[in-house]
Amino acid sequence: MKTAYLSLGTNLGDRLQNLTDAVQMLNASDGISVVRISSVYQTDPVGYEDQDVFF
């Protein structure tokens, strides 16, 4: 078994639902098992700042 750490982010639409859907799709994929999920944090955009904040 190999371990990987992913960082997911979204700033469009229903941000929390986007993250939830992404985790569910990962977990439904063959050979991938989501073991733990961190808290959700809100961050300001960097670079092009004229956009919504990220989860």
PDB file of N, CA and C in Angstrom:
ATOM      1  N   MET A   1       0.839  -1.175   0.000  1.00  0.00           N
ATOM      2  CA  MET A   1       0.000   0.000   0.000  1.00  0.00           C
ATOM      3  C   MET A   1       0.886   1.241   0.000  1.00  0.00           C
ATOM      4  N   LYS A   2       0.562   2.195  -0.850  1.00  0.00           N
ATOM      5  CA  LYS A   2       1.281   3.460  -0.916  1.00  0.00           C
ATOM      6  C   LYS A   2       0.416   4.553  -0.309  1.00  0.00           C
ATOM      7  N   THR A   3       1.056   5.577   0.215  1.00  0.00           N
ATOM      8  CA  THR A   3       0.350   6.701   0.821  1.00  0.00           C
ATOM      9  C   THR A   3       0.572   7.943  -0.012  1.00  0.00           C
ATOM     10  N   ALA A   4      -0.483   8.718  -0.192  1.00  0.00           N
ATOM     11  CA  ALA A   4      -0.393   9.997  -0.901  1.00  0.00           C
ATOM     12  C   ALA A   4      -1.201  11.031  -0.135  1.00  0.00           C
ATOM     13  N   TYR A   5      -0.748  12.268  -0.189  1.00  0.00           N
ATOM     14  CA  TYR A   5      -1.459  13.373   0.426  1.00  0.00           C
ATOM     15  C   TYR A   5      -1.892  14.327  -0.674  1.00  0.00           C
ATOM     16  N   LEU A   6      -3.162  14.689  -0.684  1.00  0.00           N
ATOM     17  CA  LEU A   6      -3.695  15.586  -1.698  1.00  0.00           C
ATOM     18  C   LEU A   6      -4.186  16.868  -1.055  1.00  0.00           C
ATOM     19  N   SER A   7      -4.056  17.935  -1.785  1.00  0.00           N
ATOM     20  CA  SER A   7      -4.604  19.215  -1.359  1.00  0.00           C
ATOM     21  C   SER A   7      -5.643  19.610  -2.398  1.00  0.00           C
ATOM     22  N   LEU A   8      -6.878  19.719  -1.984  1.00  0.00           N
ATOM     23  CA  LEU A   8      -7.962  20.073  -2.893  1.00  0.00           C
ATOM     24  C   LEU A   8      -8.418  21.491  -2.601  1.00  0.00           C
ATOM     25  N   GLY A   9      -8.864  22.188  -3.613  1.00  0.00           N
ATOM     26  CA  GLY A   9      -9.365  23.543  -3.415  1.00  0.00           C
ATOM     27  C   GLY A   9     -10.412  23.902  -4.451  1.00  0.00           C
ATOM     28  N   THR A  10     -11.281  24.816  -4.067  1.00  0.00           N
ATOM     29  CA  THR A  10     -12.342  25.256  -4.965  1.00  0.00           C
ATOM     30  C   THR A  10     -12.794  26.649  -4.568  1.00  0.00           C
ATOM     31  N   ASN A  11     -13.161  27.440  -5.565  1.00  0.00           N
ATOM     32  CA  ASN A  11     -13.723  28.764  -5.264  1.00  0.00           C
ATOM     33  C   ASN A  11     -14.935  29.076  -6.144  1.00  0.00           C
ATOM     34  N   LEU A  12     -15.527  28.055  -6.736  1.00  0.00           N
ATOM     35  CA  LEU A  12     -16.693  28.246  -7.599  1.00  0.00           C
ATOM     36  C   LEU A  12     -17.885  27.460  -7.078  1.00  0.00           C
ATOM     37  N   GLY A  13     -19.068  28.021  -7.218  1.00  0.00           N
ATOM     38  CA  GLY A  13     -20.293  27.317  -6.855  1.00  0.00           C
ATOM     39  C   GLY A  13     -20.369  26.992  -5.381  1.00  0.00           C
ATOM     40  N   ASP A  14     -20.930  25.837  -5.079  1.00  0.00           N
ATOM     41  CA  ASP A  14     -21.053  25.370  -3.706  1.00  0.00           C
ATOM     42  C   ASP A  14     -19.726  24.725  -3.307  1.00  0.00           C
ATOM     43  N   ARG A  15     -18.865  25.512  -2.718  1.00  0.00           N
ATOM     44  CA  ARG A  15     -17.488  25.080  -2.443  1.00  0.00           C
ATOM     45  C   ARG A  15     -17.419  23.839  -1.561  1.00  0.00           C
ATOM     46  N   LEU A  16     -18.209  23.802  -0.501  1.00  0.00           N
ATOM     47  CA  LEU A  16     -18.169  22.645   0.387  1.00  0.00           C
ATOM     48  C   LEU A  16     -18.667  21.389  -0.330  1.00  0.00           C
ATOM     49  N   GLN A  17     -19.709  21.528  -1.133  1.00  0.00           N
ATOM     50  CA  GLN A  17     -20.211  20.380  -1.887  1.00  0.00           C
ATOM     51  C   GLN A  17     -19.185  19.918  -2.918  1.00  0.00           C
ATOM     52  N   ASN A  18     -18.476  20.843  -3.543  1.00  0.00           N
ATOM     53  CA  ASN A  18     -17.428  20.476  -4.502  1.00  0.00           C
ATOM     54  C   ASN A  18     -16.364  19.606  -3.836  1.00  0.00           C
ATOM     55  N   LEU A  19     -15.941  19.990  -2.633  1.00  0.00           N
ATOM     56  CA  LEU A  19     -14.928  19.210  -1.922  1.00  0.00           C
ATOM     57  C   LEU A  19     -15.483  17.843  -1.515  1.00  0.00           C
ATOM     58  N   THR A  20     -16.708  17.826  -1.026  1.00  0.00           N
ATOM     59  CA  THR A  20     -17.352  16.570  -0.642  1.00  0.00           C
ATOM     60  C   THR A  20     -17.452  15.630  -1.838  1.00  0.00           C
ATOM     61  N   ASP A  21     -17.886  16.161  -2.972  1.00  0.00           N
ATOM     62  CA  ASP A  21     -17.994  15.346  -4.199  1.00  0.00           C
ATOM     63  C   ASP A  21     -16.637  14.801  -4.628  1.00  0.00           C
ATOM     64  N   ALA A  22     -15.606  15.633  -4.548  1.00  0.00           N
ATOM     65  CA  ALA A  22     -14.262  15.200  -4.962  1.00  0.00           C
ATOM     66  C   ALA A  22     -13.768  14.051  -4.095  1.00  0.00           C
ATOM     67  N   VAL A  23     -13.972  14.137  -2.795  1.00  0.00           N
ATOM     68  CA  VAL A  23     -13.552  13.063  -1.889  1.00  0.00           C
ATOM     69  C   VAL A  23     -14.345  11.797  -2.172  1.00  0.00           C
ATOM     70  N   GLN A  24     -15.632  11.931  -2.404  1.00  0.00           N
ATOM     71  CA  GLN A  24     -16.461  10.753  -2.716  1.00  0.00           C
ATOM     72  C   GLN A  24     -16.013  10.096  -4.014  1.00  0.00           C
ATOM     73  N   MET A  25     -15.677  10.896  -5.023  1.00  0.00           N
ATOM     74  CA  MET A  25     -15.215  10.331  -6.303  1.00  0.00           C
ATOM     75  C   MET A  25     -13.865   9.639  -6.141  1.00  0.00           C
ATOM     76  N   LEU A  26     -12.975  10.221  -5.352  1.00  0.00           N
ATOM     77  CA  LEU A  26     -11.689   9.569  -5.099  1.00  0.00           C
ATOM     78  C   LEU A  26     -11.903   8.231  -4.407  1.00  0.00           C
ATOM     79  N   ASN A  27     -12.729   8.229  -3.386  1.00  0.00           N
ATOM     80  CA  ASN A  27     -12.971   7.010  -2.621  1.00  0.00           C
ATOM     81  C   ASN A  27     -13.666   5.937  -3.450  1.00  0.00           C
ATOM     82  N   ALA A  28     -14.428   6.331  -4.452  1.00  0.00           N
ATOM     83  CA  ALA A  28     -15.128   5.379  -5.320  1.00  0.00           C
ATOM     84  C   ALA A  28     -14.221   4.810  -6.416  1.00  0.00           C
ATOM     85  N   SER A  29     -13.032   5.377  -6.575  1.00  0.00           N
ATOM     86  CA  SER A  29     -12.109   4.922  -7.609  1.00  0.00           C
ATOM     87  C   SER A  29     -11.397   3.645  -7.175  1.00  0.00           C
ATOM     88  N   ASP A  30     -11.206   2.722  -8.120  1.00  0.00           N
ATOM     89  CA  ASP A  30     -10.489   1.482  -7.828  1.00  0.00           C
ATOM     90  C   ASP A  30      -9.071   1.794  -7.358  1.00  0.00           C
ATOM     91  N   GLY A  31      -8.663   1.155  -6.287  1.00  0.00           N
ATOM     92  CA  GLY A  31      -7.301   1.291  -5.790  1.00  0.00           C
ATOM     93  C   GLY A  31      -7.070   2.509  -4.915  1.00  0.00           C
ATOM     94  N   ILE A  32      -8.100   3.303  -4.673  1.00  0.00           N
ATOM     95  CA  ILE A  32      -7.959   4.491  -3.824  1.00  0.00           C
ATOM     96  C   ILE A  32      -8.870   4.345  -2.621  1.00  0.00           C
ATOM     97  N   SER A  33      -8.305   4.596  -1.459  1.00  0.00           N
ATOM     98  CA  SER A  33      -9.080   4.548  -0.231  1.00  0.00           C
ATOM     99  C   SER A  33      -8.770   5.807   0.573  1.00  0.00           C
ATOM    100  N   VAL A  34      -9.765   6.649   0.769  1.00  0.00           N
ATOM    101  CA  VAL A  34      -9.586   7.862   1.561  1.00  0.00           C
ATOM    102  C   VAL A  34      -9.602   7.452   3.024  1.00  0.00           C
ATOM    103  N   VAL A  35      -8.507   7.729   3.721  1.00  0.00           N
ATOM    104  CA  VAL A  35      -8.360   7.288   5.097  1.00  0.00           C
ATOM    105  C   VAL A  35      -8.719   8.399   6.080  1.00  0.00           C
ATOM    106  N   ARG A  36      -8.239   9.611   5.810  1.00  0.00           N
ATOM    107  CA  ARG A  36      -8.515  10.736   6.694  1.00  0.00           C
ATOM    108  C   ARG A  36      -8.745  11.990   5.872  1.00  0.00           C
ATOM    109  N   ILE A  37      -9.506  12.912   6.441  1.00  0.00           N
ATOM    110  CA  ILE A  37      -9.799  14.192   5.790  1.00  0.00           C
ATOM    111  C   ILE A  37      -9.536  15.296   6.805  1.00  0.00           C
ATOM    112  N   SER A  38      -8.858  16.324   6.372  1.00  0.00           N
ATOM    113  CA  SER A  38      -8.558  17.447   7.264  1.00  0.00           C
ATOM    114  C   SER A  38      -9.768  18.357   7.411  1.00  0.00           C
ATOM    115  N   SER A  39      -9.631  19.339   8.255  1.00  0.00           N
ATOM    116  CA  SER A  39     -10.630  20.396   8.357  1.00  0.00           C
ATOM    117  C   SER A  39     -10.629  21.188   7.057  1.00  0.00           C
ATOM    118  N   VAL A  40     -11.681  21.954   6.828  1.00  0.00           N
ATOM    119  CA  VAL A  40     -11.764  22.813   5.650  1.00  0.00           C
ATOM    120  C   VAL A  40     -11.385  24.224   6.071  1.00  0.00           C
ATOM    121  N   TYR A  41     -10.502  24.833   5.312  1.00  0.00           N
ATOM    122  CA  TYR A  41     -10.027  26.178   5.606  1.00  0.00           C
ATOM    123  C   TYR A  41     -10.407  27.118   4.475  1.00  0.00           C
ATOM    124  N   GLN A  42     -10.630  28.352   4.794  1.00  0.00           N
ATOM    125  CA  GLN A  42     -10.926  29.373   3.791  1.00  0.00           C
ATOM    126  C   GLN A  42      -9.681  30.232   3.614  1.00  0.00           C
ATOM    127  N   THR A  43      -9.270  30.449   2.351  1.00  0.00           N
ATOM    128  CA  THR A  43      -8.081  31.252   2.070  1.00  0.00           C
ATOM    129  C   THR A  43      -8.374  32.258   0.969  1.00  0.00           C
ATOM    130  N   ASP A  44      -7.694  33.376   1.051  1.00  0.00           N
ATOM    131  CA  ASP A  44      -7.804  34.392   0.014  1.00  0.00           C
ATOM    132  C   ASP A  44      -7.052  33.949  -1.229  1.00  0.00           C
ATOM    133  N   PRO A  45      -7.483  34.395  -2.405  1.00  0.00           N
ATOM    134  CA  PRO A  45      -6.751  34.076  -3.632  1.00  0.00           C
ATOM    135  C   PRO A  45      -5.393  34.771  -3.639  1.00  0.00           C
ATOM    136  N   VAL A  46      -4.449  34.191  -4.341  1.00  0.00           N
ATOM    137  CA  VAL A  46      -3.102  34.745  -4.471  1.00  0.00           C
ATOM    138  C   VAL A  46      -2.839  34.985  -5.945  1.00  0.00           C
ATOM    139  N   GLY A  47      -2.174  36.068  -6.259  1.00  0.00           N
ATOM    140  CA  GLY A  47      -1.896  36.385  -7.661  1.00  0.00           C
ATOM    141  C   GLY A  47      -3.036  37.180  -8.243  1.00  0.00           C
ATOM    142  N   TYR A  48      -3.905  36.505  -8.957  1.00  0.00           N
ATOM    143  CA  TYR A  48      -5.100  37.142  -9.508  1.00  0.00           C
ATOM    144  C   TYR A  48      -6.130  37.199  -8.387  1.00  0.00           C
ATOM    145  N   GLU A  49      -6.237  38.344  -7.725  1.00  0.00           N
ATOM    146  CA  GLU A  49      -7.032  38.458  -6.510  1.00  0.00           C
ATOM    147  C   GLU A  49      -8.475  38.830  -6.735  1.00  0.00           C
ATOM    148  N   ASP A  50      -8.877  39.101  -7.977  1.00  0.00           N
ATOM    149  CA  ASP A  50     -10.255  39.489  -8.265  1.00  0.00           C
ATOM    150  C   ASP A  50     -11.096  38.230  -8.490  1.00  0.00           C
ATOM    151  N   GLN A  51     -11.190  37.408  -7.452  1.00  0.00           N
ATOM    152  CA  GLN A  51     -11.978  36.188  -7.506  1.00  0.00           C
ATOM    153  C   GLN A  51     -12.434  35.829  -6.095  1.00  0.00           C
ATOM    154  N   ASP A  52     -13.351  34.899  -5.990  1.00  0.00           N
ATOM    155  CA  ASP A  52     -13.863  34.479  -4.688  1.00  0.00           C
ATOM    156  C   ASP A  52     -12.805  33.788  -3.861  1.00  0.00           C
ATOM    157  N   VAL A  53     -13.012  33.767  -2.551  1.00  0.00           N
ATOM    158  CA  VAL A  53     -12.098  33.066  -1.648  1.00  0.00           C
ATOM    159  C   VAL A  53     -12.220  31.558  -1.858  1.00  0.00           C
ATOM    160  N   PHE A  54     -11.185  30.847  -1.492  1.00  0.00           N
ATOM    161  CA  PHE A  54     -11.109  29.413  -1.702  1.00  0.00           C
ATOM    162  C   PHE A  54     -11.438  28.650  -0.421  1.00  0.00           C
ATOM    163  N   PHE A  55     -11.984  27.470  -0.601  1.00  0.00           N
ATOM    164  CA  PHE A  55     -12.032  26.449   0.450  1.00  0.00           C
ATOM    165  C   PHE A  55     -10.961  25.486   0.115  1.00  0.00           C
TER     166      PHE A  55
END
